[in-house]
Amino acid sequence: VQLQASGGGVVQAGGSLRLSCAASGRRFSEYSIGWFRQAPGREREFVGAISGNGVNTYYADSVKGRFTISRDSAKNTVVLQMNSLRPEDTAVYCCAAAGGGLWYGGAPLRAEEYVYWGQGTLVTVSS
C-alpha cells in the first residue's frame, strides 16, 4: 500500500482545512488508516484513526470535537476534516496504514502499529 497525503496549507486560527490521504494498492479496506502530526521540536503525535470498514473512529483528546476522519473506499481515500484550527495544530501531518481493519482490541494508537507511511503535508495555523 502506498499513501500520499495532500491538502496542507496556511490558514488563520479558527479556520478549516481538509486533508486527503490517497492510497494505491488492493485490499484498502483491510487497513485501518491513522493520521499523525509532528510539530517542530516535538515528538510525533497521534491525531486520529478510522477502521477499515469506516465504522469506527478514534481521536486524540487534543482534536476531539474539531477534527473528523472519514473514508471513501470506492476512491481509496481517507479525509481528515479539520475545523476550529488553532496555532498549536501547526505541524506536518501524515497518514499511515495499520494491518487489521477491524478493531477487536481497540484503535491502533501507536506509530509502531502502522506498517505503511505516506509523505507528510504541512499545516500552518496563524494567530
N, C-alpha and C. Protein backbone atom coordinates (compact mmCIF):
# COMPACT_ATOMS: atom_id res chain seq x y z
N VAL A 1 0.85 -1.19 0.00
CA VAL A 1 0.00 0.00 0.00
C VAL A 1 0.88 1.24 0.00
N GLN A 2 0.61 2.12 -0.93
CA GLN A 2 1.32 3.39 -0.96
C GLN A 2 0.34 4.50 -0.60
N LEU A 3 0.80 5.44 0.22
CA LEU A 3 -0.07 6.50 0.71
C LEU A 3 0.51 7.86 0.37
N GLN A 4 -0.36 8.80 0.08
CA GLN A 4 0.07 10.16 -0.21
C GLN A 4 -0.91 11.13 0.41
N ALA A 5 -0.39 11.95 1.34
CA ALA A 5 -1.22 12.96 1.98
C ALA A 5 -1.13 14.27 1.20
N SER A 6 -2.23 15.00 1.17
CA SER A 6 -2.26 16.30 0.49
C SER A 6 -3.28 17.19 1.16
N GLY A 7 -3.25 18.47 0.78
CA GLY A 7 -4.25 19.41 1.27
C GLY A 7 -3.77 20.39 2.31
N GLY A 8 -2.51 20.29 2.70
CA GLY A 8 -2.00 21.22 3.69
C GLY A 8 -1.90 22.64 3.16
N GLY A 9 -1.68 23.57 4.05
CA GLY A 9 -1.56 24.96 3.65
C GLY A 9 -1.53 25.87 4.87
N VAL A 10 -1.74 27.14 4.61
CA VAL A 10 -1.74 28.14 5.66
C VAL A 10 -3.17 28.62 5.89
N VAL A 11 -3.57 28.66 7.14
CA VAL A 11 -4.93 29.08 7.49
C VAL A 11 -4.89 29.87 8.78
N GLN A 12 -5.82 30.79 8.93
CA GLN A 12 -5.90 31.56 10.16
C GLN A 12 -6.57 30.75 11.26
N ALA A 13 -6.25 31.09 12.47
CA ALA A 13 -6.87 30.43 13.62
C ALA A 13 -8.40 30.53 13.51
N GLY A 14 -9.05 29.42 13.80
CA GLY A 14 -10.49 29.35 13.66
C GLY A 14 -10.96 28.84 12.31
N GLY A 15 -10.04 28.75 11.38
CA GLY A 15 -10.39 28.29 10.04
C GLY A 15 -10.40 26.78 9.92
N SER A 16 -10.58 26.32 8.69
CA SER A 16 -10.69 24.88 8.40
C SER A 16 -9.76 24.49 7.27
N LEU A 17 -9.36 23.23 7.30
CA LEU A 17 -8.61 22.61 6.21
C LEU A 17 -9.07 21.18 6.06
N ARG A 18 -8.94 20.68 4.86
CA ARG A 18 -9.33 19.30 4.57
C ARG A 18 -8.13 18.58 3.98
N LEU A 19 -7.62 17.61 4.71
CA LEU A 19 -6.50 16.81 4.21
C LEU A 19 -7.02 15.51 3.63
N SER A 20 -6.36 15.06 2.57
CA SER A 20 -6.71 13.79 1.94
C SER A 20 -5.53 12.85 1.99
N CYS A 21 -5.84 11.58 2.13
CA CYS A 21 -4.83 10.52 2.09
C CYS A 21 -5.25 9.56 0.99
N ALA A 22 -4.53 9.58 -0.10
CA ALA A 22 -4.85 8.72 -1.23
C ALA A 22 -4.01 7.46 -1.16
N ALA A 23 -4.66 6.32 -1.31
CA ALA A 23 -3.96 5.04 -1.20
C ALA A 23 -3.99 4.31 -2.52
N SER A 24 -2.91 3.65 -2.83
CA SER A 24 -2.86 2.79 -4.01
C SER A 24 -2.62 1.37 -3.55
N GLY A 25 -3.06 0.44 -4.32
CA GLY A 25 -2.92 -0.96 -3.94
C GLY A 25 -4.26 -1.57 -3.63
N ARG A 26 -4.29 -2.86 -3.60
CA ARG A 26 -5.54 -3.55 -3.36
C ARG A 26 -5.80 -3.75 -1.88
N ARG A 27 -6.94 -4.20 -1.56
CA ARG A 27 -7.33 -4.54 -0.19
C ARG A 27 -7.25 -3.35 0.75
N PHE A 28 -7.60 -2.19 0.25
CA PHE A 28 -7.56 -0.97 1.05
C PHE A 28 -8.43 -1.10 2.30
N SER A 29 -9.56 -1.78 2.18
CA SER A 29 -10.48 -1.90 3.31
C SER A 29 -9.94 -2.79 4.43
N GLU A 30 -8.85 -3.49 4.18
CA GLU A 30 -8.26 -4.34 5.21
C GLU A 30 -7.32 -3.57 6.13
N TYR A 31 -7.16 -2.30 5.85
CA TYR A 31 -6.24 -1.48 6.64
C TYR A 31 -6.97 -0.38 7.38
N SER A 32 -6.60 -0.21 8.63
CA SER A 32 -7.01 0.99 9.35
C SER A 32 -6.07 2.11 8.91
N ILE A 33 -6.60 3.31 8.83
CA ILE A 33 -5.79 4.46 8.45
C ILE A 33 -5.73 5.43 9.62
N GLY A 34 -4.53 5.82 9.95
CA GLY A 34 -4.34 6.78 11.04
C GLY A 34 -3.67 8.05 10.53
N TRP A 35 -3.91 9.12 11.25
CA TRP A 35 -3.25 10.39 10.99
C TRP A 35 -2.35 10.73 12.19
N PHE A 36 -1.15 11.16 11.86
CA PHE A 36 -0.19 11.59 12.86
C PHE A 36 0.30 12.98 12.49
N ARG A 37 0.83 13.69 13.45
CA ARG A 37 1.41 15.01 13.16
C ARG A 37 2.67 15.20 13.98
N GLN A 38 3.54 16.03 13.45
CA GLN A 38 4.78 16.34 14.16
C GLN A 38 5.09 17.82 13.99
N ALA A 39 5.12 18.51 15.09
CA ALA A 39 5.45 19.93 15.09
C ALA A 39 6.96 20.08 15.30
N PRO A 40 7.53 21.19 14.88
CA PRO A 40 8.98 21.40 15.05
C PRO A 40 9.38 21.27 16.51
N GLY A 41 10.41 20.45 16.75
CA GLY A 41 10.93 20.29 18.09
C GLY A 41 10.09 19.41 19.00
N ARG A 42 9.07 18.78 18.44
CA ARG A 42 8.20 17.94 19.26
C ARG A 42 8.14 16.53 18.69
N GLU A 43 7.70 15.61 19.53
CA GLU A 43 7.57 14.21 19.09
C GLU A 43 6.33 14.05 18.22
N ARG A 44 6.37 12.99 17.42
CA ARG A 44 5.21 12.67 16.60
C ARG A 44 4.02 12.36 17.49
N GLU A 45 2.86 12.81 17.09
CA GLU A 45 1.66 12.72 17.91
C GLU A 45 0.54 12.06 17.12
N PHE A 46 -0.14 11.12 17.73
CA PHE A 46 -1.32 10.51 17.13
C PHE A 46 -2.45 11.53 17.10
N VAL A 47 -3.13 11.61 15.95
CA VAL A 47 -4.25 12.54 15.79
C VAL A 47 -5.58 11.79 15.81
N GLY A 48 -5.67 10.75 15.01
CA GLY A 48 -6.91 10.00 14.94
C GLY A 48 -6.78 8.86 13.97
N ALA A 49 -7.77 7.98 13.96
CA ALA A 49 -7.74 6.81 13.08
C ALA A 49 -9.15 6.40 12.73
N ILE A 50 -9.24 5.64 11.62
CA ILE A 50 -10.51 5.11 11.18
C ILE A 50 -10.31 3.66 10.82
N SER A 51 -11.29 2.83 11.15
CA SER A 51 -11.17 1.39 10.88
C SER A 51 -11.32 1.11 9.39
N GLY A 52 -10.98 -0.11 9.02
CA GLY A 52 -11.00 -0.48 7.62
C GLY A 52 -12.38 -0.37 6.99
N ASN A 53 -13.40 -0.66 7.75
CA ASN A 53 -14.76 -0.58 7.20
C ASN A 53 -15.38 0.79 7.40
N GLY A 54 -14.64 1.72 7.99
CA GLY A 54 -15.13 3.08 8.16
C GLY A 54 -16.13 3.26 9.28
N VAL A 55 -16.40 2.21 10.03
CA VAL A 55 -17.44 2.29 11.06
C VAL A 55 -16.92 2.96 12.33
N ASN A 56 -15.68 2.68 12.66
CA ASN A 56 -15.12 3.17 13.93
C ASN A 56 -14.08 4.25 13.69
N THR A 57 -14.11 5.25 14.55
CA THR A 57 -13.08 6.29 14.55
C THR A 57 -12.62 6.53 15.98
N TYR A 58 -11.43 7.08 16.10
CA TYR A 58 -10.89 7.41 17.41
C TYR A 58 -10.04 8.65 17.25
N TYR A 59 -10.14 9.57 18.22
CA TYR A 59 -9.42 10.83 18.13
C TYR A 59 -8.64 11.11 19.40
N ALA A 60 -7.53 11.78 19.22
CA ALA A 60 -6.79 12.28 20.39
C ALA A 60 -7.64 13.35 21.07
N ASP A 61 -7.48 13.47 22.37
CA ASP A 61 -8.26 14.45 23.13
C ASP A 61 -8.04 15.87 22.60
N SER A 62 -6.84 16.12 22.11
CA SER A 62 -6.49 17.47 21.66
C SER A 62 -7.28 17.91 20.42
N VAL A 63 -7.84 16.96 19.67
CA VAL A 63 -8.56 17.31 18.44
C VAL A 63 -10.02 16.87 18.47
N LYS A 64 -10.41 16.16 19.50
CA LYS A 64 -11.77 15.63 19.58
C LYS A 64 -12.78 16.77 19.52
N GLY A 65 -13.79 16.58 18.68
CA GLY A 65 -14.81 17.62 18.52
C GLY A 65 -14.47 18.65 17.46
N ARG A 66 -13.23 18.67 17.01
CA ARG A 66 -12.81 19.64 15.97
C ARG A 66 -12.43 18.93 14.67
N PHE A 67 -11.86 17.76 14.79
CA PHE A 67 -11.40 17.01 13.62
C PHE A 67 -12.32 15.82 13.37
N THR A 68 -12.50 15.48 12.10
CA THR A 68 -13.31 14.33 11.72
C THR A 68 -12.60 13.55 10.62
N ILE A 69 -12.57 12.23 10.78
CA ILE A 69 -11.96 11.36 9.78
C ILE A 69 -13.06 10.55 9.10
N SER A 70 -12.97 10.46 7.78
CA SER A 70 -13.91 9.65 7.01
C SER A 70 -13.14 8.96 5.90
N ARG A 71 -13.75 7.93 5.32
CA ARG A 71 -13.08 7.25 4.23
C ARG A 71 -14.06 6.91 3.12
N ASP A 72 -13.54 6.95 1.92
CA ASP A 72 -14.30 6.60 0.73
C ASP A 72 -13.57 5.41 0.11
N SER A 73 -14.08 4.22 0.38
CA SER A 73 -13.39 3.02 -0.09
C SER A 73 -13.41 2.91 -1.61
N ALA A 74 -14.44 3.42 -2.23
CA ALA A 74 -14.50 3.36 -3.70
C ALA A 74 -13.38 4.18 -4.33
N LYS A 75 -12.96 5.23 -3.64
CA LYS A 75 -11.89 6.08 -4.16
C LYS A 75 -10.57 5.83 -3.46
N ASN A 76 -10.53 4.86 -2.54
CA ASN A 76 -9.30 4.59 -1.78
C ASN A 76 -8.74 5.85 -1.14
N THR A 77 -9.61 6.60 -0.50
CA THR A 77 -9.22 7.88 0.09
C THR A 77 -9.75 8.01 1.50
N VAL A 78 -8.92 8.59 2.35
CA VAL A 78 -9.33 8.94 3.70
C VAL A 78 -9.17 10.44 3.87
N VAL A 79 -10.16 11.07 4.45
CA VAL A 79 -10.17 12.52 4.61
C VAL A 79 -10.09 12.89 6.08
N LEU A 80 -9.26 13.87 6.38
CA LEU A 80 -9.18 14.45 7.72
C LEU A 80 -9.71 15.88 7.61
N GLN A 81 -10.91 16.09 8.10
CA GLN A 81 -11.52 17.42 8.11
C GLN A 81 -11.16 18.11 9.42
N MET A 82 -10.50 19.24 9.31
CA MET A 82 -10.02 19.96 10.49
C MET A 82 -10.73 21.30 10.59
N ASN A 83 -11.48 21.48 11.65
CA ASN A 83 -12.20 22.71 11.89
C ASN A 83 -11.69 23.39 13.15
N SER A 84 -12.04 24.65 13.30
CA SER A 84 -11.65 25.42 14.50
C SER A 84 -10.16 25.26 14.79
N LEU A 85 -9.36 25.44 13.77
CA LEU A 85 -7.92 25.22 13.90
C LEU A 85 -7.29 26.24 14.83
N ARG A 86 -6.27 25.77 15.52
CA ARG A 86 -5.54 26.58 16.49
C ARG A 86 -4.07 26.65 16.10
N PRO A 87 -3.35 27.65 16.53
CA PRO A 87 -1.91 27.70 16.21
C PRO A 87 -1.17 26.44 16.65
N GLU A 88 -1.59 25.84 17.73
CA GLU A 88 -0.91 24.62 18.20
C GLU A 88 -1.18 23.40 17.32
N ASP A 89 -2.05 23.55 16.34
CA ASP A 89 -2.27 22.47 15.37
C ASP A 89 -1.23 22.51 14.25
N THR A 90 -0.41 23.53 14.23
CA THR A 90 0.63 23.64 13.21
C THR A 90 1.59 22.46 13.31
N ALA A 91 1.75 21.75 12.19
CA ALA A 91 2.59 20.56 12.16
C ALA A 91 2.61 19.98 10.75
N VAL A 92 3.48 19.02 10.56
CA VAL A 92 3.43 18.20 9.35
C VAL A 92 2.52 17.01 9.66
N TYR A 93 1.51 16.84 8.85
CA TYR A 93 0.54 15.76 9.03
C TYR A 93 0.81 14.67 8.02
N CYS A 94 0.77 13.43 8.48
CA CYS A 94 0.93 12.31 7.56
C CYS A 94 -0.07 11.21 7.90
N CYS A 95 -0.37 10.41 6.90
CA CYS A 95 -1.27 9.29 7.11
C CYS A 95 -0.48 7.99 7.06
N ALA A 96 -1.03 6.99 7.70
CA ALA A 96 -0.36 5.69 7.78
C ALA A 96 -1.40 4.59 7.81
N ALA A 97 -0.99 3.39 7.41
CA ALA A 97 -1.90 2.25 7.35
C ALA A 97 -1.45 1.17 8.31
N ALA A 98 -2.40 0.67 9.07
CA ALA A 98 -2.14 -0.41 10.02
C ALA A 98 -2.89 -1.65 9.56
N GLY A 99 -2.22 -2.78 9.58
CA GLY A 99 -2.87 -4.02 9.23
C GLY A 99 -3.95 -4.36 10.23
N GLY A 100 -5.03 -4.94 9.75
CA GLY A 100 -6.14 -5.24 10.65
C GLY A 100 -7.15 -4.13 10.59
N GLY A 101 -8.15 -4.32 9.72
CA GLY A 101 -9.12 -3.25 9.54
C GLY A 101 -10.15 -3.16 10.63
N LEU A 102 -10.30 -4.22 11.41
CA LEU A 102 -11.31 -4.22 12.46
C LEU A 102 -10.62 -4.11 13.81
N TRP A 103 -11.25 -3.42 14.72
CA TRP A 103 -10.62 -3.08 16.00
C TRP A 103 -11.11 -3.98 17.12
N TYR A 104 -10.71 -5.23 17.06
CA TYR A 104 -11.10 -6.13 18.14
C TYR A 104 -10.45 -5.75 19.45
N GLY A 105 -9.23 -5.22 19.36
CA GLY A 105 -8.51 -4.85 20.56
C GLY A 105 -8.41 -3.35 20.77
N GLY A 106 -9.25 -2.61 20.08
CA GLY A 106 -9.20 -1.17 20.21
C GLY A 106 -8.48 -0.52 19.04
N ALA A 107 -8.53 0.78 18.98
CA ALA A 107 -7.93 1.52 17.88
C ALA A 107 -6.41 1.46 17.93
N PRO A 108 -5.75 1.42 16.76
CA PRO A 108 -4.29 1.46 16.73
C PRO A 108 -3.81 2.87 17.03
N LEU A 109 -3.23 3.08 18.19
CA LEU A 109 -2.83 4.40 18.63
C LEU A 109 -1.33 4.66 18.48
N ARG A 110 -0.56 3.59 18.46
CA ARG A 110 0.90 3.74 18.46
C ARG A 110 1.45 3.67 17.05
N ALA A 111 2.47 4.48 16.81
CA ALA A 111 3.10 4.51 15.48
C ALA A 111 3.64 3.12 15.11
N GLU A 112 4.06 2.36 16.10
CA GLU A 112 4.63 1.04 15.83
C GLU A 112 3.62 0.08 15.24
N GLU A 113 2.35 0.37 15.36
CA GLU A 113 1.31 -0.49 14.81
C GLU A 113 1.08 -0.26 13.33
N TYR A 114 1.66 0.79 12.78
CA TYR A 114 1.43 1.16 11.39
C TYR A 114 2.60 0.69 10.52
N VAL A 115 2.26 0.08 9.41
CA VAL A 115 3.29 -0.54 8.57
C VAL A 115 3.60 0.26 7.31
N TYR A 116 2.67 1.06 6.85
CA TYR A 116 2.90 1.88 5.67
C TYR A 116 2.68 3.35 6.03
N TRP A 117 3.59 4.18 5.53
CA TRP A 117 3.53 5.61 5.84
C TRP A 117 3.60 6.41 4.55
N GLY A 118 2.86 7.48 4.53
CA GLY A 118 2.93 8.38 3.39
C GLY A 118 3.77 9.59 3.73
N GLN A 119 4.07 10.37 2.72
CA GLN A 119 4.77 11.64 2.91
C GLN A 119 3.81 12.61 3.59
N GLY A 120 4.36 13.53 4.34
CA GLY A 120 3.52 14.44 5.09
C GLY A 120 3.13 15.67 4.28
N THR A 121 2.18 16.41 4.85
CA THR A 121 1.76 17.68 4.28
C THR A 121 1.74 18.71 5.42
N LEU A 122 2.26 19.89 5.14
CA LEU A 122 2.43 20.90 6.18
C LEU A 122 1.15 21.71 6.38
N VAL A 123 0.75 21.82 7.63
CA VAL A 123 -0.37 22.67 8.02
C VAL A 123 0.16 23.76 8.93
N THR A 124 -0.09 25.00 8.55
CA THR A 124 0.35 26.14 9.35
C THR A 124 -0.87 26.97 9.73
N VAL A 125 -1.06 27.16 11.03
CA VAL A 125 -2.20 27.93 11.53
C VAL A 125 -1.65 29.21 12.15
N SER A 126 -2.02 30.33 11.57
CA SER A 126 -1.53 31.60 12.05
C SER A 126 -2.51 32.20 13.06
N SER A 127 -1.96 32.91 14.03
CA SER A 127 -2.80 33.51 15.08
C SER A 127 -3.28 34.89 14.68
